[in-house]
């Protein structure tokens, strides 16, 4: 009957471990408190860092929003509305220029 090898460590015998004393075999400890504590510490530190990152992003976004509000920037909707009004005014100016040119031509015919 063949068994798979197991990880074992030798523990000292009950008699204070004098030379030549027989040792009994114990299974290796699979968990180490130091590493568990370090793992928990790192996990907590990452959570803290994530919280600090979120806090910093929120504060920076608030700062940028306040700064932009103080600069009297317009919204995209306001800009589009102003651009549409300017385009309409240009079209009206072109139409009025054509009308004035026609009236001046008619006046010149009448005088001449």
PDB file of N, CA and C in Angstrom:
ATOM      1  N   UNK A   1       0.848  -1.170   0.000  1.00  0.00           N
ATOM      2  CA  UNK A   1       0.000   0.000   0.000  1.00  0.00           C
ATOM      3  C   UNK A   1       0.895   1.234   0.000  1.00  0.00           C
ATOM      4  N   UNK A   2       0.711   2.105  -1.000  1.00  0.00           N
ATOM      5  CA  UNK A   2       1.539   3.289  -1.155  1.00  0.00           C
ATOM      6  C   UNK A   2       0.749   4.518  -0.727  1.00  0.00           C
ATOM      7  N   UNK A   3       1.332   5.344   0.074  1.00  0.00           N
ATOM      8  CA  UNK A   3       0.664   6.581   0.494  1.00  0.00           C
ATOM      9  C   UNK A   3       1.466   7.762  -0.005  1.00  0.00           C
ATOM     10  N   UNK A   4       0.786   8.857  -0.267  1.00  0.00           N
ATOM     11  CA  UNK A   4       1.451  10.074  -0.722  1.00  0.00           C
ATOM     12  C   UNK A   4       2.251  10.663   0.434  1.00  0.00           C
ATOM     13  N   UNK A   5       3.404  11.247   0.149  1.00  0.00           N
ATOM     14  CA  UNK A   5       4.196  11.829   1.249  1.00  0.00           C
ATOM     15  C   UNK A   5       3.471  13.021   1.856  1.00  0.00           C
ATOM     16  N   UNK A   6       3.578  13.157   3.138  1.00  0.00           N
ATOM     17  CA  UNK A   6       2.940  14.253   3.853  1.00  0.00           C
ATOM     18  C   UNK A   6       4.023  15.171   4.395  1.00  0.00           C
ATOM     19  N   UNK A   7       3.689  16.436   4.472  1.00  0.00           N
ATOM     20  CA  UNK A   7       4.631  17.384   5.051  1.00  0.00           C
ATOM     21  C   UNK A   7       4.594  17.246   6.563  1.00  0.00           C
ATOM     22  N   UNK A   8       5.701  16.868   7.120  1.00  0.00           N
ATOM     23  CA  UNK A   8       5.764  16.662   8.565  1.00  0.00           C
ATOM     24  C   UNK A   8       6.986  17.375   9.117  1.00  0.00           C
ATOM     25  N   UNK A   9       6.922  17.720  10.358  1.00  0.00           N
ATOM     26  CA  UNK A   9       8.106  18.233  11.020  1.00  0.00           C
ATOM     27  C   UNK A   9       8.347  17.383  12.257  1.00  0.00           C
ATOM     28  N   UNK A  10       9.549  17.338  12.618  1.00  0.00           N
ATOM     29  CA  UNK A  10       9.895  16.532  13.786  1.00  0.00           C
ATOM     30  C   UNK A  10       9.796  17.397  15.025  1.00  0.00           C
ATOM     31  N   UNK A  11       9.107  16.876  16.018  1.00  0.00           N
ATOM     32  CA  UNK A  11       8.980  17.586  17.287  1.00  0.00           C
ATOM     33  C   UNK A  11       9.875  16.894  18.309  1.00  0.00           C
ATOM     34  N   UNK A  12      10.426  17.652  19.229  1.00  0.00           N
ATOM     35  CA  UNK A  12      11.285  16.998  20.230  1.00  0.00           C
ATOM     36  C   UNK A  12      10.476  16.030  21.085  1.00  0.00           C
ATOM     37  N   UNK A  13      11.131  14.986  21.510  1.00  0.00           N
ATOM     38  CA  UNK A  13      10.467  14.011  22.378  1.00  0.00           C
ATOM     39  C   UNK A  13      10.202  14.652  23.730  1.00  0.00           C
ATOM     40  N   UNK A  14       9.401  14.030  24.525  1.00  0.00           N
ATOM     41  CA  UNK A  14       9.005  14.587  25.804  1.00  0.00           C
ATOM     42  C   UNK A  14      10.181  14.752  26.748  1.00  0.00           C
ATOM     43  N   UNK A  15      11.292  14.054  26.545  1.00  0.00           N
ATOM     44  CA  UNK A  15      12.404  14.062  27.492  1.00  0.00           C
ATOM     45  C   UNK A  15      13.414  15.164  27.235  1.00  0.00           C
ATOM     46  N   UNK A  16      13.041  16.362  26.927  1.00  0.00           N
ATOM     47  CA  UNK A  16      13.904  17.528  26.787  1.00  0.00           C
ATOM     48  C   UNK A  16      14.851  17.437  25.601  1.00  0.00           C
ATOM     49  N   UNK A  17      14.688  16.498  24.698  1.00  0.00           N
ATOM     50  CA  UNK A  17      15.424  16.444  23.454  1.00  0.00           C
ATOM     51  C   UNK A  17      16.890  16.124  23.616  1.00  0.00           C
ATOM     52  N   UNK A  18      17.255  15.170  24.490  1.00  0.00           N
ATOM     53  CA  UNK A  18      18.661  14.823  24.614  1.00  0.00           C
ATOM     54  C   UNK A  18      19.118  14.059  23.371  1.00  0.00           C
ATOM     55  N   UNK A  19      20.402  13.962  23.185  1.00  0.00           N
ATOM     56  CA  UNK A  19      20.972  13.339  22.001  1.00  0.00           C
ATOM     57  C   UNK A  19      20.527  11.885  21.924  1.00  0.00           C
ATOM     58  N   UNK A  20      20.074  11.511  20.746  1.00  0.00           N
ATOM     59  CA  UNK A  20      19.668  10.133  20.523  1.00  0.00           C
ATOM     60  C   UNK A  20      18.223   9.860  20.918  1.00  0.00           C
ATOM     61  N   UNK A  21      17.506  10.848  21.439  1.00  0.00           N
ATOM     62  CA  UNK A  21      16.116  10.624  21.834  1.00  0.00           C
ATOM     63  C   UNK A  21      15.259  10.469  20.592  1.00  0.00           C
ATOM     64  N   UNK A  22      14.275   9.641  20.659  1.00  0.00           N
ATOM     65  CA  UNK A  22      13.366   9.453  19.541  1.00  0.00           C
ATOM     66  C   UNK A  22      12.451  10.676  19.422  1.00  0.00           C
ATOM     67  N   UNK A  23      12.129  11.004  18.182  1.00  0.00           N
ATOM     68  CA  UNK A  23      11.248  12.148  17.943  1.00  0.00           C
ATOM     69  C   UNK A  23       9.953  11.663  17.357  1.00  0.00           C
ATOM     70  N   UNK A  24       8.902  12.289  17.733  1.00  0.00           N
ATOM     71  CA  UNK A  24       7.602  11.951  17.144  1.00  0.00           C
ATOM     72  C   UNK A  24       7.316  12.933  16.024  1.00  0.00           C
ATOM     73  N   UNK A  25       6.539  12.545  15.076  1.00  0.00           N
ATOM     74  CA  UNK A  25       6.237  13.374  13.907  1.00  0.00           C
ATOM     75  C   UNK A  25       4.902  14.086  14.105  1.00  0.00           C
ATOM     76  N   UNK A  26       4.895  15.401  13.830  1.00  0.00           N
ATOM     77  CA  UNK A  26       3.683  16.202  13.903  1.00  0.00           C
ATOM     78  C   UNK A  26       3.457  16.853  12.544  1.00  0.00           C
ATOM     79  N   UNK A  27       2.202  17.037  12.142  1.00  0.00           N
ATOM     80  CA  UNK A  27       1.956  17.735  10.873  1.00  0.00           C
ATOM     81  C   UNK A  27       2.419  19.187  10.981  1.00  0.00           C
ATOM     82  N   UNK A  28       2.871  19.756   9.831  1.00  0.00           N
ATOM     83  CA  UNK A  28       3.327  21.150   9.839  1.00  0.00           C
ATOM     84  C   UNK A  28       2.162  22.085  10.106  1.00  0.00           C
ATOM     85  N   UNK A  29       2.471  23.129  10.772  1.00  0.00           N
ATOM     86  CA  UNK A  29       1.457  24.141  11.019  1.00  0.00           C
ATOM     87  C   UNK A  29       1.160  24.834   9.692  1.00  0.00           C
ATOM     88  N   UNK A  30      -0.110  24.882   9.300  1.00  0.00           N
ATOM     89  CA  UNK A  30      -0.467  25.451   8.000  1.00  0.00           C
ATOM     90  C   UNK A  30      -0.722  26.941   8.081  1.00  0.00           C
ATOM     91  N   UNK A  31      -1.010  27.488   9.228  1.00  0.00           N
ATOM     92  CA  UNK A  31      -1.281  28.916   9.384  1.00  0.00           C
ATOM     93  C   UNK A  31      -0.222  29.515  10.305  1.00  0.00           C
ATOM     94  N   UNK A  32       0.220  30.708   9.980  1.00  0.00           N
ATOM     95  CA  UNK A  32       1.203  31.384  10.816  1.00  0.00           C
ATOM     96  C   UNK A  32       0.567  32.688  11.276  1.00  0.00           C
ATOM     97  N   UNK A  33       0.477  32.921  12.545  1.00  0.00           N
ATOM     98  CA  UNK A  33      -0.190  34.099  13.087  1.00  0.00           C
ATOM     99  C   UNK A  33       0.442  35.390  12.577  1.00  0.00           C
ATOM    100  N   UNK A  34       1.763  35.422  12.469  1.00  0.00           N
ATOM    101  CA  UNK A  34       2.436  36.619  11.967  1.00  0.00           C
ATOM    102  C   UNK A  34       1.954  36.964  10.560  1.00  0.00           C
ATOM    103  N   UNK A  35       1.944  35.952   9.685  1.00  0.00           N
ATOM    104  CA  UNK A  35       1.516  36.206   8.307  1.00  0.00           C
ATOM    105  C   UNK A  35       0.027  36.538   8.223  1.00  0.00           C
ATOM    106  N   UNK A  36      -0.775  35.905   9.079  1.00  0.00           N
ATOM    107  CA  UNK A  36      -2.199  36.247   9.137  1.00  0.00           C
ATOM    108  C   UNK A  36      -2.384  37.701   9.554  1.00  0.00           C
ATOM    109  N   UNK A  37      -1.627  38.119  10.575  1.00  0.00           N
ATOM    110  CA  UNK A  37      -1.723  39.499  11.044  1.00  0.00           C
ATOM    111  C   UNK A  37      -1.241  40.483   9.979  1.00  0.00           C
ATOM    112  N   UNK A  38      -0.146  40.151   9.306  1.00  0.00           N
ATOM    113  CA  UNK A  38       0.359  41.024   8.241  1.00  0.00           C
ATOM    114  C   UNK A  38      -0.635  41.110   7.088  1.00  0.00           C
ATOM    115  N   UNK A  39      -1.242  39.981   6.754  1.00  0.00           N
ATOM    116  CA  UNK A  39      -2.240  39.972   5.688  1.00  0.00           C
ATOM    117  C   UNK A  39      -3.428  40.857   6.056  1.00  0.00           C
ATOM    118  N   UNK A  40      -3.879  40.741   7.295  1.00  0.00           N
ATOM    119  CA  UNK A  40      -4.998  41.570   7.757  1.00  0.00           C
ATOM    120  C   UNK A  40      -4.615  43.042   7.766  1.00  0.00           C
ATOM    121  N   UNK A  41      -3.391  43.344   8.189  1.00  0.00           N
ATOM    122  CA  UNK A  41      -2.909  44.723   8.205  1.00  0.00           C
ATOM    123  C   UNK A  41      -2.873  45.301   6.788  1.00  0.00           C
ATOM    124  N   UNK A  42      -2.375  44.532   5.833  1.00  0.00           N
ATOM    125  CA  UNK A  42      -2.314  45.001   4.441  1.00  0.00           C
ATOM    126  C   UNK A  42      -3.715  45.188   3.859  1.00  0.00           C
ATOM    127  N   UNK A  43      -4.606  44.280   4.186  1.00  0.00           N
ATOM    128  CA  UNK A  43      -5.990  44.409   3.717  1.00  0.00           C
ATOM    129  C   UNK A  43      -6.622  45.685   4.265  1.00  0.00           C
ATOM    130  N   UNK A  44      -6.415  45.946   5.541  1.00  0.00           N
ATOM    131  CA  UNK A  44      -6.950  47.163   6.151  1.00  0.00           C
ATOM    132  C   UNK A  44      -6.314  48.409   5.544  1.00  0.00           C
ATOM    133  N   UNK A  45      -5.011  48.341   5.283  1.00  0.00           N
ATOM    134  CA  UNK A  45      -4.316  49.490   4.696  1.00  0.00           C
ATOM    135  C   UNK A  45      -4.854  49.774   3.296  1.00  0.00           C
ATOM    136  N   UNK A  46      -5.124  48.739   2.528  1.00  0.00           N
ATOM    137  CA  UNK A  46      -5.672  48.936   1.180  1.00  0.00           C
ATOM    138  C   UNK A  46      -7.071  49.544   1.261  1.00  0.00           C
ATOM    139  N   UNK A  47      -7.863  49.102   2.216  1.00  0.00           N
ATOM    140  CA  UNK A  47      -9.188  49.691   2.396  1.00  0.00           C
ATOM    141  C   UNK A  47      -9.094  51.158   2.771  1.00  0.00           C
ATOM    142  N   UNK A  48      -8.150  51.477   3.644  1.00  0.00           N
ATOM    143  CA  UNK A  48      -7.931  52.867   4.051  1.00  0.00           C
ATOM    144  C   UNK A  48      -7.477  53.703   2.861  1.00  0.00           C
ATOM    145  N   UNK A  49      -6.566  53.162   2.065  1.00  0.00           N
ATOM    146  CA  UNK A  49      -6.077  53.885   0.887  1.00  0.00           C
ATOM    147  C   UNK A  49      -7.201  54.119  -0.113  1.00  0.00           C
ATOM    148  N   UNK A  50      -8.058  53.135  -0.297  1.00  0.00           N
ATOM    149  CA  UNK A  50      -9.194  53.291  -1.219  1.00  0.00           C
ATOM    150  C   UNK A  50     -10.134  54.376  -0.708  1.00  0.00           C
ATOM    151  N   UNK A  51     -10.387  54.386   0.589  1.00  0.00           N
ATOM    152  CA  UNK A  51     -11.239  55.425   1.169  1.00  0.00           C
ATOM    153  C   UNK A  51     -10.630  56.807   1.012  1.00  0.00           C
ATOM    154  N   UNK A  52      -9.312  56.904   1.223  1.00  0.00           N
ATOM    155  CA  UNK A  52      -8.630  58.193   1.065  1.00  0.00           C
ATOM    156  C   UNK A  52      -8.681  58.644  -0.389  1.00  0.00           C
ATOM    157  N   UNK A  53      -8.541  57.719  -1.325  1.00  0.00           N
ATOM    158  CA  UNK A  53      -8.603  58.045  -2.754  1.00  0.00           C
ATOM    159  C   UNK A  53      -9.987  58.610  -3.096  1.00  0.00           C
ATOM    160  N   UNK A  54     -11.029  57.939  -2.633  1.00  0.00           N
ATOM    161  CA  UNK A  54     -12.396  58.400  -2.901  1.00  0.00           C
ATOM    162  C   UNK A  54     -12.623  59.776  -2.296  1.00  0.00           C
ATOM    163  N   UNK A  55     -12.150  59.968  -1.075  1.00  0.00           N
ATOM    164  CA  UNK A  55     -12.291  61.261  -0.397  1.00  0.00           C
ATOM    165  C   UNK A  55     -11.567  62.365  -1.166  1.00  0.00           C
ATOM    166  N   UNK A  56     -10.350  62.073  -1.632  1.00  0.00           N
ATOM    167  CA  UNK A  56      -9.572  63.066  -2.386  1.00  0.00           C
ATOM    168  C   UNK A  56     -10.249  63.395  -3.719  1.00  0.00           C
ATOM    169  N   UNK A  57     -10.771  62.378  -4.404  1.00  0.00           N
ATOM    170  CA  UNK A  57     -11.465  62.624  -5.672  1.00  0.00           C
ATOM    171  C   UNK A  57     -12.692  63.511  -5.461  1.00  0.00           C
ATOM    172  N   UNK A  58     -13.446  63.232  -4.413  1.00  0.00           N
ATOM    173  CA  UNK A  58     -14.642  64.020  -4.124  1.00  0.00           C
ATOM    174  C   UNK A  58     -14.270  65.469  -3.803  1.00  0.00           C
ATOM    175  N   UNK A  59     -13.237  65.653  -2.987  1.00  0.00           N
ATOM    176  CA  UNK A  59     -12.807  67.007  -2.627  1.00  0.00           C
ATOM    177  C   UNK A  59     -12.307  67.763  -3.853  1.00  0.00           C
ATOM    178  N   UNK A  60     -11.532  67.096  -4.709  1.00  0.00           N
ATOM    179  CA  UNK A  60     -11.000  67.752  -5.904  1.00  0.00           C
ATOM    180  C   UNK A  60     -12.119  68.115  -6.868  1.00  0.00           C
ATOM    181  N   UNK A  61     -13.084  67.217  -7.035  1.00  0.00           N
ATOM    182  CA  UNK A  61     -14.218  67.508  -7.924  1.00  0.00           C
ATOM    183  C   UNK A  61     -15.004  68.707  -7.407  1.00  0.00           C
ATOM    184  N   UNK A  62     -15.218  68.779  -6.098  1.00  0.00           N
ATOM    185  CA  UNK A  62     -15.899  69.931  -5.512  1.00  0.00           C
ATOM    186  C   UNK A  62     -15.128  71.214  -5.740  1.00  0.00           C
ATOM    187  N   UNK A  63     -13.800  71.147  -5.577  1.00  0.00           N
ATOM    188  CA  UNK A  63     -12.957  72.318  -5.806  1.00  0.00           C
ATOM    189  C   UNK A  63     -13.058  72.791  -7.254  1.00  0.00           C
ATOM    190  N   UNK A  64     -12.967  71.867  -8.200  1.00  0.00           N
ATOM    191  CA  UNK A  64     -13.041  72.222  -9.626  1.00  0.00           C
ATOM    192  C   UNK A  64     -14.420  72.792  -9.967  1.00  0.00           C
ATOM    193  N   UNK A  65     -15.472  72.193  -9.426  1.00  0.00           N
ATOM    194  CA  UNK A  65     -16.829  72.710  -9.678  1.00  0.00           C
ATOM    195  C   UNK A  65     -16.972  74.144  -9.161  1.00  0.00           C
ATOM    196  N   UNK A  66     -16.470  74.408  -7.946  1.00  0.00           N
ATOM    197  CA  UNK A  66     -16.553  75.770  -7.399  1.00  0.00           C
ATOM    198  C   UNK A  66     -15.712  76.743  -8.229  1.00  0.00           C
ATOM    199  N   UNK A  67     -14.517  76.313  -8.634  1.00  0.00           N
ATOM    200  CA  UNK A  67     -13.635  77.169  -9.423  1.00  0.00           C
ATOM    201  C   UNK A  67     -14.288  77.517 -10.753  1.00  0.00           C
ATOM    202  N   UNK A  68     -14.891  76.541 -11.405  1.00  0.00           N
ATOM    203  CA  UNK A  68     -15.533  76.802 -12.700  1.00  0.00           C
ATOM    204  C   UNK A  68     -16.766  77.696 -12.540  1.00  0.00           C
ATOM    205  N   UNK A  69     -17.501  77.521 -11.446  1.00  0.00           N
ATOM    206  CA  UNK A  69     -18.679  78.356 -11.214  1.00  0.00           C
ATOM    207  C   UNK A  69     -18.265  79.809 -10.999  1.00  0.00           C
ATOM    208  N   UNK A  70     -17.130  80.027 -10.371  1.00  0.00           N
ATOM    209  CA  UNK A  70     -16.646  81.386 -10.143  1.00  0.00           C
ATOM    210  C   UNK A  70     -16.163  82.053 -11.429  1.00  0.00           C
ATOM    211  N   UNK A  71     -15.834  81.295 -12.437  1.00  0.00           N
ATOM    212  CA  UNK A  71     -15.306  81.839 -13.687  1.00  0.00           C
ATOM    213  C   UNK A  71     -16.397  82.203 -14.692  1.00  0.00           C
ATOM    214  N   UNK A  72     -17.635  82.031 -14.350  1.00  0.00           N
ATOM    215  CA  UNK A  72     -18.779  82.355 -15.208  1.00  0.00           C
ATOM    216  C   UNK A  72     -18.726  81.648 -16.557  1.00  0.00           C
ATOM    217  N   UNK A  73     -18.328  80.409 -16.549  1.00  0.00           N
ATOM    218  CA  UNK A  73     -18.391  79.612 -17.770  1.00  0.00           C
ATOM    219  C   UNK A  73     -19.844  79.293 -18.082  1.00  0.00           C
ATOM    220  N   UNK A  74     -20.159  79.158 -19.354  1.00  0.00           N
ATOM    221  CA  UNK A  74     -21.525  78.825 -19.738  1.00  0.00           C
ATOM    222  C   UNK A  74     -21.637  77.321 -19.939  1.00  0.00           C
ATOM    223  N   UNK A  75     -22.870  76.845 -19.828  1.00  0.00           N
ATOM    224  CA  UNK A  75     -23.102  75.424 -20.074  1.00  0.00           C
ATOM    225  C   UNK A  75     -23.168  75.183 -21.577  1.00  0.00           C
ATOM    226  N   UNK A  76     -23.119  73.948 -21.960  1.00  0.00           N
ATOM    227  CA  UNK A  76     -23.174  73.593 -23.385  1.00  0.00           C
ATOM    228  C   UNK A  76     -24.510  74.041 -23.992  1.00  0.00           C
ATOM    229  N   UNK A  77     -25.585  73.893 -23.241  1.00  0.00           N
ATOM    230  CA  UNK A  77     -26.909  74.289 -23.743  1.00  0.00           C
ATOM    231  C   UNK A  77     -26.960  75.794 -23.996  1.00  0.00           C
ATOM    232  N   UNK A  78     -26.404  76.579 -23.054  1.00  0.00           N
ATOM    233  CA  UNK A  78     -26.381  78.033 -23.237  1.00  0.00           C
ATOM    234  C   UNK A  78     -25.523  78.419 -24.443  1.00  0.00           C
ATOM    235  N   UNK A  79     -24.396  77.738 -24.628  1.00  0.00           N
ATOM    236  CA  UNK A  79     -23.534  78.026 -25.765  1.00  0.00           C
ATOM    237  C   UNK A  79     -24.242  77.712 -27.083  1.00  0.00           C
ATOM    238  N   UNK A  80     -24.915  76.562 -27.145  1.00  0.00           N
ATOM    239  CA  UNK A  80     -25.635  76.185 -28.367  1.00  0.00           C
ATOM    240  C   UNK A  80     -26.754  77.173 -28.674  1.00  0.00           C
ATOM    241  N   UNK A  81     -27.458  77.654 -27.643  1.00  0.00           N
ATOM    242  CA  UNK A  81     -28.538  78.618 -27.850  1.00  0.00           C
ATOM    243  C   UNK A  81     -27.969  79.945 -28.380  1.00  0.00           C
ATOM    244  N   UNK A  82     -26.852  80.406 -27.819  1.00  0.00           N
ATOM    245  CA  UNK A  82     -26.237  81.660 -28.280  1.00  0.00           C
ATOM    246  C   UNK A  82     -25.736  81.517 -29.715  1.00  0.00           C
ATOM    247  N   UNK A  83     -25.187  80.347 -30.055  1.00  0.00           N
ATOM    248  CA  UNK A  83     -24.703  80.127 -31.416  1.00  0.00           C
ATOM    249  C   UNK A  83     -25.866  80.131 -32.408  1.00  0.00           C
ATOM    250  N   UNK A  84     -26.995  79.531 -32.030  1.00  0.00           N
ATOM    251  CA  UNK A  84     -28.170  79.532 -32.909  1.00  0.00           C
ATOM    252  C   UNK A  84     -28.690  80.958 -33.113  1.00  0.00           C
ATOM    253  N   UNK A  85     -28.698  81.769 -32.045  1.00  0.00           N
ATOM    254  CA  UNK A  85     -29.158  83.159 -32.183  1.00  0.00           C
ATOM    255  C   UNK A  85     -28.207  83.948 -33.085  1.00  0.00           C
ATOM    256  N   UNK A  86     -26.910  83.726 -32.962  1.00  0.00           N
ATOM    257  CA  UNK A  86     -25.946  84.435 -33.811  1.00  0.00           C
ATOM    258  C   UNK A  86     -26.115  84.035 -35.275  1.00  0.00           C
ATOM    259  N   UNK A  87     -26.349  82.754 -35.537  1.00  0.00           N
ATOM    260  CA  UNK A  87     -26.563  82.291 -36.913  1.00  0.00           C
ATOM    261  C   UNK A  87     -27.817  82.929 -37.502  1.00  0.00           C
ATOM    262  N   UNK A  88     -28.878  82.999 -36.710  1.00  0.00           N
ATOM    263  CA  UNK A  88     -30.124  83.617 -37.184  1.00  0.00           C
ATOM    264  C   UNK A  88     -29.895  85.099 -37.471  1.00  0.00           C
ATOM    265  N   UNK A  89     -29.138  85.781 -36.603  1.00  0.00           N
ATOM    266  CA  UNK A  89     -28.857  87.207 -36.808  1.00  0.00           C
ATOM    267  C   UNK A  89     -28.042  87.421 -38.089  1.00  0.00           C
ATOM    268  N   UNK A  90     -27.080  86.536 -38.373  1.00  0.00           N
ATOM    269  CA  UNK A  90     -26.305  86.648 -39.614  1.00  0.00           C
ATOM    270  C   UNK A  90     -27.209  86.481 -40.842  1.00  0.00           C
ATOM    271  N   UNK A  91     -28.117  85.528 -40.780  1.00  0.00           N
ATOM    272  CA  UNK A  91     -29.031  85.313 -41.909  1.00  0.00           C
ATOM    273  C   UNK A  91     -29.934  86.528 -42.112  1.00  0.00           C
ATOM    274  N   UNK A  92     -30.417  87.105 -41.007  1.00  0.00           N
ATOM    275  CA  UNK A  92     -31.262  88.302 -41.117  1.00  0.00           C
ATOM    276  C   UNK A  92     -30.465  89.477 -41.694  1.00  0.00           C
ATOM    277  N   UNK A  93     -29.207  89.628 -41.274  1.00  0.00           N
ATOM    278  CA  UNK A  93     -28.360  90.700 -41.818  1.00  0.00           C
ATOM    279  C   UNK A  93     -28.164  90.544 -43.326  1.00  0.00           C
ATOM    280  N   UNK A  94     -27.947  89.322 -43.772  1.00  0.00           N
ATOM    281  CA  UNK A  94     -27.765  89.069 -45.210  1.00  0.00           C
ATOM    282  C   UNK A  94     -29.039  89.447 -45.963  1.00  0.00           C
ATOM    283  N   UNK A  95     -30.195  89.079 -45.413  1.00  0.00           N
ATOM    284  CA  UNK A  95     -31.463  89.403 -46.059  1.00  0.00           C
ATOM    285  C   UNK A  95     -31.675  90.920 -46.089  1.00  0.00           C
ATOM    286  N   UNK A  96     -31.347  91.598 -44.998  1.00  0.00           N
ATOM    287  CA  UNK A  96     -31.508  93.059 -44.957  1.00  0.00           C
ATOM    288  C   UNK A  96     -30.548  93.752 -45.921  1.00  0.00           C
ATOM    289  N   UNK A  97     -29.317  93.253 -46.049  1.00  0.00           N
ATOM    290  CA  UNK A  97     -28.364  93.831 -47.007  1.00  0.00           C
ATOM    291  C   UNK A  97     -28.910  93.719 -48.431  1.00  0.00           C
ATOM    292  N   UNK A  98     -29.483  92.570 -48.743  1.00  0.00           N
ATOM    293  CA  UNK A  98     -30.053  92.386 -50.090  1.00  0.00           C
ATOM    294  C   UNK A  98     -31.229  93.333 -50.305  1.00  0.00           C
ATOM    295  N   UNK A  99     -32.057  93.521 -49.298  1.00  0.00           N
ATOM    296  CA  UNK A  99     -33.219  94.420 -49.414  1.00  0.00           C
ATOM    297  C   UNK A  99     -32.758  95.869 -49.586  1.00  0.00           C
ATOM    298  N   UNK A 100     -31.749  96.279 -48.807  1.00  0.00           N
ATOM    299  CA  UNK A 100     -31.226  97.648 -48.925  1.00  0.00           C
ATOM    300  C   UNK A 100     -30.640  97.866 -50.317  1.00  0.00           C
ATOM    301  N   UNK A 101     -29.900  96.873 -50.829  1.00  0.00           N
ATOM    302  CA  UNK A 101     -29.315  96.993 -52.175  1.00  0.00           C
ATOM    303  C   UNK A 101     -30.413  97.137 -53.221  1.00  0.00           C
ATOM    304  N   UNK A 102     -31.505  96.408 -53.077  1.00  0.00           N
ATOM    305  CA  UNK A 102     -32.611  96.500 -54.038  1.00  0.00           C
ATOM    306  C   UNK A 102     -33.281  97.867 -53.945  1.00  0.00           C
ATOM    307  N   UNK A 103     -33.478  98.377 -52.724  1.00  0.00           N
ATOM    308  CA  UNK A 103     -34.110  99.696 -52.559  1.00  0.00           C
ATOM    309  C   UNK A 103     -33.215 100.800 -53.120  1.00  0.00           C
ATOM    310  N   UNK A 104     -31.903 100.708 -52.917  1.00  0.00           N
ATOM    311  CA  UNK A 104     -30.972 101.702 -53.452  1.00  0.00           C
ATOM    312  C   UNK A 104     -30.978 101.668 -54.982  1.00  0.00           C
ATOM    313  N   UNK A 105     -31.073 100.472 -55.537  1.00  0.00           N
ATOM    314  CA  UNK A 105     -31.108 100.356 -57.009  1.00  0.00           C
ATOM    315  C   UNK A 105     -32.396 100.973 -57.545  1.00  0.00           C
ATOM    316  N   UNK A 106     -33.499 100.755 -56.883  1.00  0.00           N
ATOM    317  CA  UNK A 106     -34.778 101.329 -57.319  1.00  0.00           C
ATOM    318  C   UNK A 106     -34.753 102.853 -57.185  1.00  0.00           C
ATOM    319  N   UNK A 107     -34.150 103.345 -56.144  1.00  0.00           N
ATOM    320  CA  UNK A 107     -34.041 104.800 -55.936  1.00  0.00           C
ATOM    321  C   UNK A 107     -33.145 105.424 -57.012  1.00  0.00           C
ATOM    322  N   UNK A 108     -32.066 104.725 -57.379  1.00  0.00           N
ATOM    323  CA  UNK A 108     -31.162 105.237 -58.409  1.00  0.00           C
ATOM    324  C   UNK A 108     -31.872 105.283 -59.753  1.00  0.00           C
ATOM    325  N   UNK A 109     -32.742 104.343 -60.067  1.00  0.00           N
ATOM    326  CA  UNK A 109     -33.502 104.344 -61.333  1.00  0.00           C
ATOM    327  C   UNK A 109     -34.475 105.501 -61.364  1.00  0.00           C
ATOM    328  N   UNK A 110     -35.090 105.777 -60.226  1.00  0.00           N
ATOM    329  CA  UNK A 110     -36.069 106.830 -60.163  1.00  0.00           C
ATOM    330  C   UNK A 110     -35.422 108.200 -60.356  1.00  0.00           C
ATOM    331  N   UNK A 111     -34.243 108.385 -59.812  1.00  0.00           N
ATOM    332  CA  UNK A 111     -33.542 109.666 -59.898  1.00  0.00           C
ATOM    333  C   UNK A 111     -32.886 109.831 -61.264  1.00  0.00           C
ATOM    334  N   UNK A 112     -32.492 108.817 -61.836  1.00  0.00           N
ATOM    335  CA  UNK A 112     -31.668 108.917 -63.008  1.00  0.00           C
ATOM    336  C   UNK A 112     -32.286 108.785 -64.298  1.00  0.00           C
TER     337      UNK A 112
END
